[in-house]
Amino acid sequence: SGGGSQLLLCLFQGKGKFLAILNKYMEIHGTVYYESQRPPEVPAFVKNHGLLPQPEFQQLLRKAKLFIGFGFPYEGPAPLEAIANGCVFLQSRFSPPHSSLNHEFFRGKPTSREVFSQHPYAENFIGKPHVWTVDYNNSEEFEAAIKAIMRTQVDPYLPYEYTCEGMLERIHAYIQHQDFCAAPGPIPPGARTPRSPFVLAPNATHLEWARNASLAPGAWPPTHSLRAWLAPPGRACTDTCLDHGLICEPSFFPFLNSQDSFLKLQVPCDSTESEMNHLYPAFAQPGQECYLQKEPLLFSCAGSSTKYRRLCPCRDFRKGQVALCQSCL
């Protein structure tokens, strides 16, 4: 954005191959801390500034063309600062995704979340031209991205939800539309309501809240924004909703946690059981078994298994204000 072709690096160590590619196109700058001498992992062609005070770091970002992350830290503020100062953010696509099953950072943490890139928010809700997510194991794809970014001009961009006005808008919506003294009444596991609030969408792919059905009292976001999809085997609800341009809304799980939801989706349940599992409600194949959630505290958008097709509560969202649905204001 400042007319220069400098590059700021999040992490150097073990990335000499990619630094060499980048050095063909850009002057490389870094902010790697050191006490007495140049860190050995920083190549000689990198202009390292050491640890900078925040004002000087912001000034360096305004002169840079590209800010690149090499996989860590996850979901930090620096990429958003770079984008707000006019940089393009380039990050690695993780294949397989990082999780507690394959990565030390998440190991032992009580989560089954899978992270597909260093900054999933930037990937999913900002995207190109400000954010590029590529396979760093493919040097040709990596270099092609660098060439394309060199031809790309972007203006500084700050998502509305990160502005003061955006924050106040969220707080206003939360306070005005929620009753903090009364929680919505979830449908008990296995219960059948006298009249189902769900209808099958015209294309028979998902459930919608029926227009003639009353809204659940105290529910927020409003239940008419609910869209329920049956995830493919091995797919988490977070990713299934994103596949349809929506986001997973965990507060909607209680409304789907009934046999009626599977019935309306025309899922052939030979049996229905209530158990404690963070993947439920879900349909198990083989076996044609439907499972409901017995413990409401275990409702989770994250997590997947090739054994299950999860029943996922999705909703739309406002661009630049993901926390709010389209009709939440």
C-alpha atoms as a PDB file:
ATOM      1  CA  SER A   1       0.000   0.000   0.000  1.00  0.00           C
ATOM      2  CA  GLY A   2       2.933   2.326   0.596  1.00  0.00           C
ATOM      3  CA  GLY A   3       4.447   1.616  -2.803  1.00  0.00           C
ATOM      4  CA  GLY A   4       7.167  -0.660  -1.442  1.00  0.00           C
ATOM      5  CA  SER A   5       7.671  -4.378  -1.933  1.00  0.00           C
ATOM      6  CA  GLN A   6       8.764  -5.286   1.552  1.00  0.00           C
ATOM      7  CA  LEU A   7       7.654  -8.417   3.267  1.00  0.00           C
ATOM      8  CA  LEU A   8       7.009  -9.018   6.940  1.00  0.00           C
ATOM      9  CA  LEU A   9       7.387 -12.512   8.300  1.00  0.00           C
ATOM     10  CA  CYS A  10       5.619 -14.136  11.230  1.00  0.00           C
ATOM     11  CA  LEU A  11       8.073 -17.001  11.470  1.00  0.00           C
ATOM     12  CA  PHE A  12      11.402 -17.764   9.804  1.00  0.00           C
ATOM     13  CA  GLN A  13      12.735 -21.013  11.120  1.00  0.00           C
ATOM     14  CA  GLY A  14      12.629 -23.914   8.663  1.00  0.00           C
ATOM     15  CA  LYS A  15      11.232 -21.755   5.846  1.00  0.00           C
ATOM     16  CA  GLY A  16      14.398 -21.081   3.853  1.00  0.00           C
ATOM     17  CA  LYS A  17      12.943 -22.580   0.672  1.00  0.00           C
ATOM     18  CA  PHE A  18      10.016 -20.181   0.620  1.00  0.00           C
ATOM     19  CA  LEU A  19      12.117 -17.227   1.698  1.00  0.00           C
ATOM     20  CA  ALA A  20      14.342 -17.847  -1.311  1.00  0.00           C
ATOM     21  CA  ILE A  21      11.298 -17.742  -3.616  1.00  0.00           C
ATOM     22  CA  LEU A  22      10.037 -14.560  -1.971  1.00  0.00           C
ATOM     23  CA  ASN A  23      13.451 -12.936  -2.197  1.00  0.00           C
ATOM     24  CA  LYS A  24      13.234 -13.165  -6.000  1.00  0.00           C
ATOM     25  CA  TYR A  25      10.296 -10.761  -5.987  1.00  0.00           C
ATOM     26  CA  MET A  26      10.440  -8.721  -2.792  1.00  0.00           C
ATOM     27  CA  GLU A  27      12.659  -7.022  -0.298  1.00  0.00           C
ATOM     28  CA  ILE A  28      12.109  -8.967   2.904  1.00  0.00           C
ATOM     29  CA  HIS A  29      11.763  -7.394   6.332  1.00  0.00           C
ATOM     30  CA  GLY A  30      11.237  -9.111   9.652  1.00  0.00           C
ATOM     31  CA  THR A  31      10.682  -8.293  13.310  1.00  0.00           C
ATOM     32  CA  VAL A  32      12.415 -11.216  15.012  1.00  0.00           C
ATOM     33  CA  TYR A  33      13.556 -10.474  18.554  1.00  0.00           C
ATOM     34  CA  TYR A  34      17.216 -10.986  19.483  1.00  0.00           C
ATOM     35  CA  GLU A  35      19.395  -9.838  22.380  1.00  0.00           C
ATOM     36  CA  SER A  36      22.997  -9.548  21.227  1.00  0.00           C
ATOM     37  CA  GLN A  37      23.388 -10.935  17.730  1.00  0.00           C
ATOM     38  CA  ARG A  38      21.408 -11.791  14.624  1.00  0.00           C
ATOM     39  CA  PRO A  39      19.219 -14.889  15.139  1.00  0.00           C
ATOM     40  CA  PRO A  40      20.804 -17.782  13.208  1.00  0.00           C
ATOM     41  CA  GLU A  41      17.496 -18.813  11.622  1.00  0.00           C
ATOM     42  CA  VAL A  42      17.114 -15.446   9.873  1.00  0.00           C
ATOM     43  CA  PRO A  43      18.766 -15.498   6.405  1.00  0.00           C
ATOM     44  CA  ALA A  44      21.271 -12.764   5.593  1.00  0.00           C
ATOM     45  CA  PHE A  45      19.016 -11.244   2.908  1.00  0.00           C
ATOM     46  CA  VAL A  46      16.286 -10.489   5.475  1.00  0.00           C
ATOM     47  CA  LYS A  47      16.340  -6.978   6.929  1.00  0.00           C
ATOM     48  CA  ASN A  48      15.507  -7.742  10.541  1.00  0.00           C
ATOM     49  CA  HIS A  49      14.315  -4.850  12.701  1.00  0.00           C
ATOM     50  CA  GLY A  50      14.165  -6.763  15.964  1.00  0.00           C
ATOM     51  CA  LEU A  51      11.294  -6.207  18.368  1.00  0.00           C
ATOM     52  CA  LEU A  52       9.577  -2.939  17.419  1.00  0.00           C
ATOM     53  CA  PRO A  53       7.335  -0.677  19.511  1.00  0.00           C
ATOM     54  CA  GLN A  54       3.752  -0.787  18.243  1.00  0.00           C
ATOM     55  CA  PRO A  55       3.818   2.639  16.493  1.00  0.00           C
ATOM     56  CA  GLU A  56       6.961   1.691  14.555  1.00  0.00           C
ATOM     57  CA  PHE A  57       5.532  -1.711  13.686  1.00  0.00           C
ATOM     58  CA  GLN A  58       2.382  -0.042  12.325  1.00  0.00           C
ATOM     59  CA  GLN A  59       4.535   2.320  10.280  1.00  0.00           C
ATOM     60  CA  LEU A  60       6.436  -0.630   8.808  1.00  0.00           C
ATOM     61  CA  LEU A  61       3.146  -2.322   7.902  1.00  0.00           C
ATOM     62  CA  ARG A  62       2.002   0.789   6.036  1.00  0.00           C
ATOM     63  CA  LYS A  63       5.117   0.594   3.865  1.00  0.00           C
ATOM     64  CA  ALA A  64       4.741  -3.127   3.149  1.00  0.00           C
ATOM     65  CA  LYS A  65       3.015  -4.903   0.293  1.00  0.00           C
ATOM     66  CA  LEU A  66       2.611  -8.341   1.836  1.00  0.00           C
ATOM     67  CA  PHE A  67       2.357  -9.846   5.305  1.00  0.00           C
ATOM     68  CA  ILE A  68       2.969 -13.576   5.401  1.00  0.00           C
ATOM     69  CA  GLY A  69       2.239 -16.167   8.042  1.00  0.00           C
ATOM     70  CA  PHE A  70       3.956 -19.529   8.204  1.00  0.00           C
ATOM     71  CA  GLY A  71       1.369 -21.307  10.324  1.00  0.00           C
ATOM     72  CA  PHE A  72       1.703 -19.904  13.846  1.00  0.00           C
ATOM     73  CA  PRO A  73       0.398 -18.272  15.995  1.00  0.00           C
ATOM     74  CA  TYR A  74      -3.195 -19.211  15.272  1.00  0.00           C
ATOM     75  CA  GLU A  75      -5.790 -16.458  14.863  1.00  0.00           C
ATOM     76  CA  GLY A  76      -3.548 -13.675  16.154  1.00  0.00           C
ATOM     77  CA  PRO A  77      -4.262  -9.949  15.718  1.00  0.00           C
ATOM     78  CA  ALA A  78      -1.221  -9.209  13.509  1.00  0.00           C
ATOM     79  CA  PRO A  79      -2.832 -10.326  10.194  1.00  0.00           C
ATOM     80  CA  LEU A  80      -5.836  -8.091  10.890  1.00  0.00           C
ATOM     81  CA  GLU A  81      -3.497  -5.179  11.702  1.00  0.00           C
ATOM     82  CA  ALA A  82      -1.628  -5.804   8.444  1.00  0.00           C
ATOM     83  CA  ILE A  83      -4.829  -5.884   6.370  1.00  0.00           C
ATOM     84  CA  ALA A  84      -6.036  -2.699   8.088  1.00  0.00           C
ATOM     85  CA  ASN A  85      -2.760  -1.033   7.073  1.00  0.00           C
ATOM     86  CA  GLY A  86      -3.098  -2.030   3.423  1.00  0.00           C
ATOM     87  CA  CYS A  87      -1.110  -5.282   3.286  1.00  0.00           C
ATOM     88  CA  VAL A  88      -2.151  -8.482   1.584  1.00  0.00           C
ATOM     89  CA  PHE A  89      -2.065 -11.429   4.002  1.00  0.00           C
ATOM     90  CA  LEU A  90      -0.727 -14.731   2.666  1.00  0.00           C
ATOM     91  CA  GLN A  91      -1.161 -17.837   4.814  1.00  0.00           C
ATOM     92  CA  SER A  92      -0.786 -21.589   4.682  1.00  0.00           C
ATOM     93  CA  ARG A  93      -3.611 -24.038   4.061  1.00  0.00           C
ATOM     94  CA  PHE A  94      -3.316 -26.960   6.472  1.00  0.00           C
ATOM     95  CA  SER A  95      -3.759 -30.408   4.946  1.00  0.00           C
ATOM     96  CA  PRO A  96      -4.680 -32.306   6.997  1.00  0.00           C
ATOM     97  CA  PRO A  97      -6.231 -29.659   9.265  1.00  0.00           C
ATOM     98  CA  HIS A  98      -4.561 -29.111  12.631  1.00  0.00           C
ATOM     99  CA  SER A  99      -6.333 -30.580  15.650  1.00  0.00           C
ATOM    100  CA  SER A 100      -5.714 -32.253  18.995  1.00  0.00           C
ATOM    101  CA  LEU A 101      -5.145 -35.501  17.099  1.00  0.00           C
ATOM    102  CA  ASN A 102      -2.149 -34.388  15.073  1.00  0.00           C
ATOM    103  CA  HIS A 103      -0.665 -31.166  16.452  1.00  0.00           C
ATOM    104  CA  GLU A 104       1.174 -30.518  19.686  1.00  0.00           C
ATOM    105  CA  PHE A 105      -0.365 -27.086  20.267  1.00  0.00           C
ATOM    106  CA  PHE A 106      -3.878 -28.567  20.547  1.00  0.00           C
ATOM    107  CA  ARG A 107      -2.881 -31.856  22.148  1.00  0.00           C
ATOM    108  CA  GLY A 108      -4.574 -32.384  25.503  1.00  0.00           C
ATOM    109  CA  LYS A 109      -6.966 -29.461  25.044  1.00  0.00           C
ATOM    110  CA  PRO A 110     -10.659 -30.349  25.429  1.00  0.00           C
ATOM    111  CA  THR A 111     -11.597 -29.555  21.845  1.00  0.00           C
ATOM    112  CA  SER A 112     -12.213 -31.483  18.638  1.00  0.00           C
ATOM    113  CA  ARG A 113     -11.983 -28.381  16.481  1.00  0.00           C
ATOM    114  CA  GLU A 114     -10.099 -28.678  13.190  1.00  0.00           C
ATOM    115  CA  VAL A 115      -8.172 -25.622  11.951  1.00  0.00           C
ATOM    116  CA  PHE A 116      -7.735 -25.460   8.173  1.00  0.00           C
ATOM    117  CA  SER A 117      -5.467 -22.388   8.086  1.00  0.00           C
ATOM    118  CA  GLN A 118      -3.526 -20.096  10.399  1.00  0.00           C
ATOM    119  CA  HIS A 119      -6.342 -17.536  10.523  1.00  0.00           C
ATOM    120  CA  PRO A 120      -9.725 -19.136   9.637  1.00  0.00           C
ATOM    121  CA  TYR A 121     -11.640 -15.886  10.183  1.00  0.00           C
ATOM    122  CA  ALA A 122      -9.477 -14.074   7.636  1.00  0.00           C
ATOM    123  CA  GLU A 123      -9.837 -16.961   5.190  1.00  0.00           C
ATOM    124  CA  ASN A 124     -13.608 -17.397   5.492  1.00  0.00           C
ATOM    125  CA  PHE A 125     -14.896 -13.877   6.140  1.00  0.00           C
ATOM    126  CA  ILE A 126     -12.368 -11.573   4.440  1.00  0.00           C
ATOM    127  CA  GLY A 127     -10.814 -13.604   1.611  1.00  0.00           C
ATOM    128  CA  LYS A 128      -9.334 -12.322  -1.634  1.00  0.00           C
ATOM    129  CA  PRO A 129      -7.957  -9.888  -2.581  1.00  0.00           C
ATOM    130  CA  HIS A 130      -6.911  -9.136   1.008  1.00  0.00           C
ATOM    131  CA  VAL A 131      -6.309 -12.733   2.118  1.00  0.00           C
ATOM    132  CA  TRP A 132      -4.738 -15.563   0.129  1.00  0.00           C
ATOM    133  CA  THR A 133      -4.645 -19.115   1.488  1.00  0.00           C
ATOM    134  CA  VAL A 134      -2.390 -21.518  -0.402  1.00  0.00           C
ATOM    135  CA  ASP A 135      -0.641 -24.868   0.003  1.00  0.00           C
ATOM    136  CA  TYR A 136       2.883 -24.114   1.203  1.00  0.00           C
ATOM    137  CA  ASN A 137       3.927 -27.667   0.352  1.00  0.00           C
ATOM    138  CA  ASN A 138       3.416 -26.809  -3.308  1.00  0.00           C
ATOM    139  CA  SER A 139       6.181 -24.394  -4.314  1.00  0.00           C
ATOM    140  CA  GLU A 140       4.568 -23.766  -7.720  1.00  0.00           C
ATOM    141  CA  GLU A 141       1.257 -22.734  -6.147  1.00  0.00           C
ATOM    142  CA  PHE A 142       3.141 -20.625  -3.623  1.00  0.00           C
ATOM    143  CA  GLU A 143       5.143 -18.786  -6.296  1.00  0.00           C
ATOM    144  CA  ALA A 144       2.063 -18.303  -8.489  1.00  0.00           C
ATOM    145  CA  ALA A 145       0.314 -16.652  -5.545  1.00  0.00           C
ATOM    146  CA  ILE A 146       3.270 -14.311  -4.999  1.00  0.00           C
ATOM    147  CA  LYS A 147       3.199 -13.276  -8.677  1.00  0.00           C
ATOM    148  CA  ALA A 148      -0.551 -12.651  -8.537  1.00  0.00           C
ATOM    149  CA  ILE A 149      -0.245 -10.628  -5.330  1.00  0.00           C
ATOM    150  CA  MET A 150       2.482  -8.486  -6.926  1.00  0.00           C
ATOM    151  CA  ARG A 151      -0.066  -7.492  -9.582  1.00  0.00           C
ATOM    152  CA  THR A 152      -2.794  -6.833  -7.006  1.00  0.00           C
ATOM    153  CA  GLN A 153      -3.527  -3.440  -5.499  1.00  0.00           C
ATOM    154  CA  VAL A 154      -5.591  -3.303  -2.306  1.00  0.00           C
ATOM    155  CA  ASP A 155      -6.778  -0.518  -0.044  1.00  0.00           C
ATOM    156  CA  PRO A 156      -6.584  -0.727   3.745  1.00  0.00           C
ATOM    157  CA  TYR A 157      -9.520  -2.779   4.981  1.00  0.00           C
ATOM    158  CA  LEU A 158     -10.955  -3.147   8.479  1.00  0.00           C
ATOM    159  CA  PRO A 159     -14.014  -5.411   8.861  1.00  0.00           C
ATOM    160  CA  TYR A 160     -16.958  -3.479  10.277  1.00  0.00           C
ATOM    161  CA  GLU A 161     -17.191  -5.765  13.316  1.00  0.00           C
ATOM    162  CA  TYR A 162     -13.696  -4.648  14.402  1.00  0.00           C
ATOM    163  CA  THR A 163     -14.636  -0.960  14.398  1.00  0.00           C
ATOM    164  CA  CYS A 164     -15.969   0.838  17.474  1.00  0.00           C
ATOM    165  CA  GLU A 165     -19.298   1.340  15.711  1.00  0.00           C
ATOM    166  CA  GLY A 166     -19.520  -2.348  14.851  1.00  0.00           C
ATOM    167  CA  MET A 167     -18.843  -3.342  18.452  1.00  0.00           C
ATOM    168  CA  LEU A 168     -21.531  -0.952  19.733  1.00  0.00           C
ATOM    169  CA  GLU A 169     -23.974  -2.335  17.171  1.00  0.00           C
ATOM    170  CA  ARG A 170     -23.446  -5.864  18.526  1.00  0.00           C
ATOM    171  CA  ILE A 171     -23.833  -4.766  22.132  1.00  0.00           C
ATOM    172  CA  HIS A 172     -27.041  -2.914  21.270  1.00  0.00           C
ATOM    173  CA  ALA A 173     -28.486  -5.990  19.525  1.00  0.00           C
ATOM    174  CA  TYR A 174     -27.548  -8.303  22.392  1.00  0.00           C
ATOM    175  CA  ILE A 175     -29.064  -6.066  25.057  1.00  0.00           C
ATOM    176  CA  GLN A 176     -32.215  -5.125  23.176  1.00  0.00           C
ATOM    177  CA  HIS A 177     -33.186  -8.579  21.959  1.00  0.00           C
ATOM    178  CA  GLN A 178     -32.156 -10.975  24.729  1.00  0.00           C
ATOM    179  CA  ASP A 179     -33.812 -11.760  28.032  1.00  0.00           C
ATOM    180  CA  PHE A 180     -30.964 -12.666  30.363  1.00  0.00           C
ATOM    181  CA  CYS A 181     -33.372 -13.751  33.104  1.00  0.00           C
ATOM    182  CA  ALA A 182     -35.064 -16.482  31.061  1.00  0.00           C
ATOM    183  CA  ALA A 183     -33.500 -19.082  28.808  1.00  0.00           C
ATOM    184  CA  PRO A 184     -35.332 -20.556  25.810  1.00  0.00           C
ATOM    185  CA  GLY A 185     -36.953 -23.865  26.554  1.00  0.00           C
ATOM    186  CA  PRO A 186     -35.101 -26.623  24.689  1.00  0.00           C
ATOM    187  CA  ILE A 187     -36.980 -29.559  23.314  1.00  0.00           C
ATOM    188  CA  PRO A 188     -36.273 -32.541  25.607  1.00  0.00           C
ATOM    189  CA  PRO A 189     -34.424 -35.445  23.955  1.00  0.00           C
ATOM    190  CA  GLY A 190     -36.860 -37.777  22.243  1.00  0.00           C
ATOM    191  CA  ALA A 191     -39.833 -35.478  22.722  1.00  0.00           C
ATOM    192  CA  ARG A 192     -42.309 -34.842  19.937  1.00  0.00           C
ATOM    193  CA  THR A 193     -43.934 -31.448  19.725  1.00  0.00           C
ATOM    194  CA  PRO A 194     -47.676 -31.291  18.929  1.00  0.00           C
ATOM    195  CA  ARG A 195     -46.911 -29.285  15.817  1.00  0.00           C
ATOM    196  CA  SER A 196     -43.459 -29.296  14.312  1.00  0.00           C
ATOM    197  CA  PRO A 197     -41.861 -25.878  13.772  1.00  0.00           C
ATOM    198  CA  PHE A 198     -39.836 -27.281  10.842  1.00  0.00           C
ATOM    199  CA  VAL A 199     -40.589 -27.773   7.178  1.00  0.00           C
ATOM    200  CA  LEU A 200     -38.485 -29.404   4.515  1.00  0.00           C
ATOM    201  CA  ALA A 201     -37.054 -26.841   2.087  1.00  0.00           C
ATOM    202  CA  PRO A 202     -38.517 -26.908  -1.445  1.00  0.00           C
ATOM    203  CA  ASN A 203     -35.333 -28.495  -2.805  1.00  0.00           C
ATOM    204  CA  ALA A 204     -35.506 -31.139  -0.027  1.00  0.00           C
ATOM    205  CA  THR A 205     -31.936 -30.485   1.123  1.00  0.00           C
ATOM    206  CA  HIS A 206     -32.486 -28.966   4.569  1.00  0.00           C
ATOM    207  CA  LEU A 207     -34.993 -27.889   7.209  1.00  0.00           C
ATOM    208  CA  GLU A 208     -36.343 -24.386   7.721  1.00  0.00           C
ATOM    209  CA  TRP A 209     -38.396 -22.841  10.505  1.00  0.00           C
ATOM    210  CA  ALA A 210     -41.983 -22.845   9.280  1.00  0.00           C
ATOM    211  CA  ARG A 211     -43.410 -19.397   8.562  1.00  0.00           C
ATOM    212  CA  ASN A 212     -46.662 -20.200  10.356  1.00  0.00           C
ATOM    213  CA  ALA A 213     -44.825 -21.560  13.413  1.00  0.00           C
ATOM    214  CA  SER A 214     -44.420 -19.255  16.395  1.00  0.00           C
ATOM    215  CA  LEU A 215     -40.902 -18.217  17.345  1.00  0.00           C
ATOM    216  CA  ALA A 216     -39.349 -19.789  20.412  1.00  0.00           C
ATOM    217  CA  PRO A 217     -39.702 -17.287  23.286  1.00  0.00           C
ATOM    218  CA  GLY A 218     -36.398 -15.939  24.546  1.00  0.00           C
ATOM    219  CA  ALA A 219     -34.376 -17.479  21.710  1.00  0.00           C
ATOM    220  CA  TRP A 220     -31.625 -15.389  20.184  1.00  0.00           C
ATOM    221  CA  PRO A 221     -30.820 -15.215  17.299  1.00  0.00           C
ATOM    222  CA  PRO A 222     -34.481 -15.465  16.242  1.00  0.00           C
ATOM    223  CA  THR A 223     -35.317 -19.029  15.297  1.00  0.00           C
ATOM    224  CA  HIS A 224     -36.683 -18.139  11.859  1.00  0.00           C
ATOM    225  CA  SER A 225     -33.039 -17.726  10.757  1.00  0.00           C
ATOM    226  CA  LEU A 226     -32.364 -21.423  11.465  1.00  0.00           C
ATOM    227  CA  ARG A 227     -31.449 -23.724   8.579  1.00  0.00           C
ATOM    228  CA  ALA A 228     -30.680 -27.358   9.446  1.00  0.00           C
ATOM    229  CA  TRP A 229     -28.431 -29.484   7.255  1.00  0.00           C
ATOM    230  CA  LEU A 230     -27.374 -33.101   7.569  1.00  0.00           C
ATOM    231  CA  ALA A 231     -23.589 -33.025   7.253  1.00  0.00           C
ATOM    232  CA  PRO A 232     -21.694 -35.477   5.039  1.00  0.00           C
ATOM    233  CA  PRO A 233     -19.867 -38.228   6.939  1.00  0.00           C
ATOM    234  CA  GLY A 234     -16.668 -36.907   8.532  1.00  0.00           C
ATOM    235  CA  ARG A 235     -17.696 -33.261   8.181  1.00  0.00           C
ATOM    236  CA  ALA A 236     -18.050 -30.902  11.168  1.00  0.00           C
ATOM    237  CA  CYS A 237     -21.049 -28.595  11.510  1.00  0.00           C
ATOM    238  CA  THR A 238     -18.774 -25.540  11.344  1.00  0.00           C
ATOM    239  CA  ASP A 239     -17.565 -26.532   7.884  1.00  0.00           C
ATOM    240  CA  THR A 240     -20.918 -27.863   6.668  1.00  0.00           C
ATOM    241  CA  CYS A 241     -22.592 -24.520   7.353  1.00  0.00           C
ATOM    242  CA  LEU A 242     -19.741 -22.627   5.673  1.00  0.00           C
ATOM    243  CA  ASP A 243     -20.168 -24.880   2.629  1.00  0.00           C
ATOM    244  CA  HIS A 244     -23.646 -23.361   2.261  1.00  0.00           C
ATOM    245  CA  GLY A 245     -22.583 -19.771   2.904  1.00  0.00           C
ATOM    246  CA  LEU A 246     -23.861 -19.888   6.488  1.00  0.00           C
ATOM    247  CA  ILE A 247     -22.378 -20.225   9.958  1.00  0.00           C
ATOM    248  CA  CYS A 248     -23.107 -22.770  12.673  1.00  0.00           C
ATOM    249  CA  GLU A 249     -25.247 -21.422  15.507  1.00  0.00           C
ATOM    250  CA  PRO A 250     -24.790 -23.601  18.635  1.00  0.00           C
ATOM    251  CA  SER A 251     -27.710 -21.979  20.475  1.00  0.00           C
ATOM    252  CA  PHE A 252     -30.043 -23.621  17.926  1.00  0.00           C
ATOM    253  CA  PHE A 253     -28.999 -27.197  18.748  1.00  0.00           C
ATOM    254  CA  PRO A 254     -31.755 -27.709  21.378  1.00  0.00           C
ATOM    255  CA  PHE A 255     -34.462 -27.076  18.792  1.00  0.00           C
ATOM    256  CA  LEU A 256     -33.080 -29.775  16.492  1.00  0.00           C
ATOM    257  CA  ASN A 257     -32.516 -32.328  19.225  1.00  0.00           C
ATOM    258  CA  SER A 258     -35.669 -34.334  18.556  1.00  0.00           C
ATOM    259  CA  GLN A 259     -36.771 -37.329  16.550  1.00  0.00           C
ATOM    260  CA  ASP A 260     -39.039 -35.053  14.541  1.00  0.00           C
ATOM    261  CA  SER A 261     -36.020 -33.304  12.969  1.00  0.00           C
ATOM    262  CA  PHE A 262     -34.765 -36.560  11.483  1.00  0.00           C
ATOM    263  CA  LEU A 263     -38.291 -37.475  10.410  1.00  0.00           C
ATOM    264  CA  LYS A 264     -38.746 -34.176   8.556  1.00  0.00           C
ATOM    265  CA  LEU A 265     -35.380 -34.669   6.805  1.00  0.00           C
ATOM    266  CA  GLN A 266     -36.622 -38.115   5.698  1.00  0.00           C
ATOM    267  CA  VAL A 267     -33.765 -39.842   7.501  1.00  0.00           C
ATOM    268  CA  PRO A 268     -34.526 -43.570   7.922  1.00  0.00           C
ATOM    269  CA  CYS A 269     -34.004 -44.055  11.679  1.00  0.00           C
ATOM    270  CA  ASP A 270     -34.379 -47.727  12.569  1.00  0.00           C
ATOM    271  CA  SER A 271     -33.834 -46.707  16.198  1.00  0.00           C
ATOM    272  CA  THR A 272     -33.397 -43.475  18.170  1.00  0.00           C
ATOM    273  CA  GLU A 273     -31.335 -43.191  21.339  1.00  0.00           C
ATOM    274  CA  SER A 274     -30.238 -40.371  23.663  1.00  0.00           C
ATOM    275  CA  GLU A 275     -26.582 -40.449  24.724  1.00  0.00           C
ATOM    276  CA  MET A 276     -23.820 -38.083  25.825  1.00  0.00           C
ATOM    277  CA  ASN A 277     -21.587 -37.268  22.849  1.00  0.00           C
ATOM    278  CA  HIS A 278     -20.439 -33.897  21.498  1.00  0.00           C
ATOM    279  CA  LEU A 279     -21.232 -35.055  17.935  1.00  0.00           C
ATOM    280  CA  TYR A 280     -24.935 -35.565  18.637  1.00  0.00           C
ATOM    281  CA  PRO A 281     -27.557 -35.152  17.271  1.00  0.00           C
ATOM    282  CA  ALA A 282     -26.356 -37.343  14.430  1.00  0.00           C
ATOM    283  CA  PHE A 283     -27.256 -40.202  12.104  1.00  0.00           C
ATOM    284  CA  ALA A 284     -24.993 -43.254  12.184  1.00  0.00           C
ATOM    285  CA  GLN A 285     -24.179 -45.360   9.147  1.00  0.00           C
ATOM    286  CA  PRO A 286     -24.174 -48.297   8.883  1.00  0.00           C
ATOM    287  CA  GLY A 287     -26.912 -49.243  11.303  1.00  0.00           C
ATOM    288  CA  GLN A 288     -29.480 -46.572  10.423  1.00  0.00           C
ATOM    289  CA  GLU A 289     -29.394 -45.312  14.013  1.00  0.00           C
ATOM    290  CA  CYS A 290     -30.311 -41.783  15.084  1.00  0.00           C
ATOM    291  CA  TYR A 291     -28.733 -40.300  18.194  1.00  0.00           C
ATOM    292  CA  LEU A 292     -29.946 -37.356  20.265  1.00  0.00           C
ATOM    293  CA  GLN A 293     -27.920 -35.326  22.738  1.00  0.00           C
ATOM    294  CA  LYS A 294     -28.517 -36.244  26.374  1.00  0.00           C
ATOM    295  CA  GLU A 295     -26.285 -33.522  27.867  1.00  0.00           C
ATOM    296  CA  PRO A 296     -27.031 -29.978  26.570  1.00  0.00           C
ATOM    297  CA  LEU A 297     -23.604 -28.740  27.692  1.00  0.00           C
ATOM    298  CA  LEU A 298     -22.023 -30.980  25.033  1.00  0.00           C
ATOM    299  CA  PHE A 299     -23.673 -29.299  22.041  1.00  0.00           C
ATOM    300  CA  SER A 300     -20.798 -28.313  19.739  1.00  0.00           C
ATOM    301  CA  CYS A 301     -20.339 -27.098  16.181  1.00  0.00           C
ATOM    302  CA  ALA A 302     -16.830 -28.609  16.104  1.00  0.00           C
ATOM    303  CA  GLY A 303     -15.921 -32.251  15.700  1.00  0.00           C
ATOM    304  CA  SER A 304     -16.594 -34.935  13.132  1.00  0.00           C
ATOM    305  CA  SER A 305     -16.440 -38.673  12.550  1.00  0.00           C
ATOM    306  CA  THR A 306     -16.714 -40.763   9.404  1.00  0.00           C
ATOM    307  CA  LYS A 307     -19.277 -42.861  11.293  1.00  0.00           C
ATOM    308  CA  TYR A 308     -21.754 -40.003  11.709  1.00  0.00           C
ATOM    309  CA  ARG A 309     -23.713 -37.518   9.665  1.00  0.00           C
ATOM    310  CA  ARG A 310     -24.232 -34.658  12.090  1.00  0.00           C
ATOM    311  CA  LEU A 311     -27.444 -32.642  12.248  1.00  0.00           C
ATOM    312  CA  CYS A 312     -26.223 -29.041  12.009  1.00  0.00           C
ATOM    313  CA  PRO A 313     -27.980 -25.791  12.962  1.00  0.00           C
ATOM    314  CA  CYS A 314     -26.933 -23.029  10.563  1.00  0.00           C
ATOM    315  CA  ARG A 315     -27.959 -19.402  10.123  1.00  0.00           C
ATOM    316  CA  ASP A 316     -27.207 -16.518   7.808  1.00  0.00           C
ATOM    317  CA  PHE A 317     -25.048 -13.574   8.885  1.00  0.00           C
ATOM    318  CA  ARG A 318     -24.436  -9.946   8.094  1.00  0.00           C
ATOM    319  CA  LYS A 319     -21.324  -9.274   6.024  1.00  0.00           C
ATOM    320  CA  GLY A 320     -18.784  -7.638   8.294  1.00  0.00           C
ATOM    321  CA  GLN A 321     -20.858  -8.480  11.373  1.00  0.00           C
ATOM    322  CA  VAL A 322     -20.789 -12.273  11.594  1.00  0.00           C
ATOM    323  CA  ALA A 323     -22.224 -12.376  15.124  1.00  0.00           C
ATOM    324  CA  LEU A 324     -25.589 -11.089  13.877  1.00  0.00           C
ATOM    325  CA  CYS A 325     -28.033 -12.690  11.455  1.00  0.00           C
ATOM    326  CA  GLN A 326     -29.557 -10.776   8.557  1.00  0.00           C
ATOM    327  CA  SER A 327     -32.723  -9.961  10.505  1.00  0.00           C
ATOM    328  CA  CYS A 328     -31.101  -9.483  13.912  1.00  0.00           C
ATOM    329  CA  LEU A 329     -31.282  -5.689  13.810  1.00  0.00           C
END
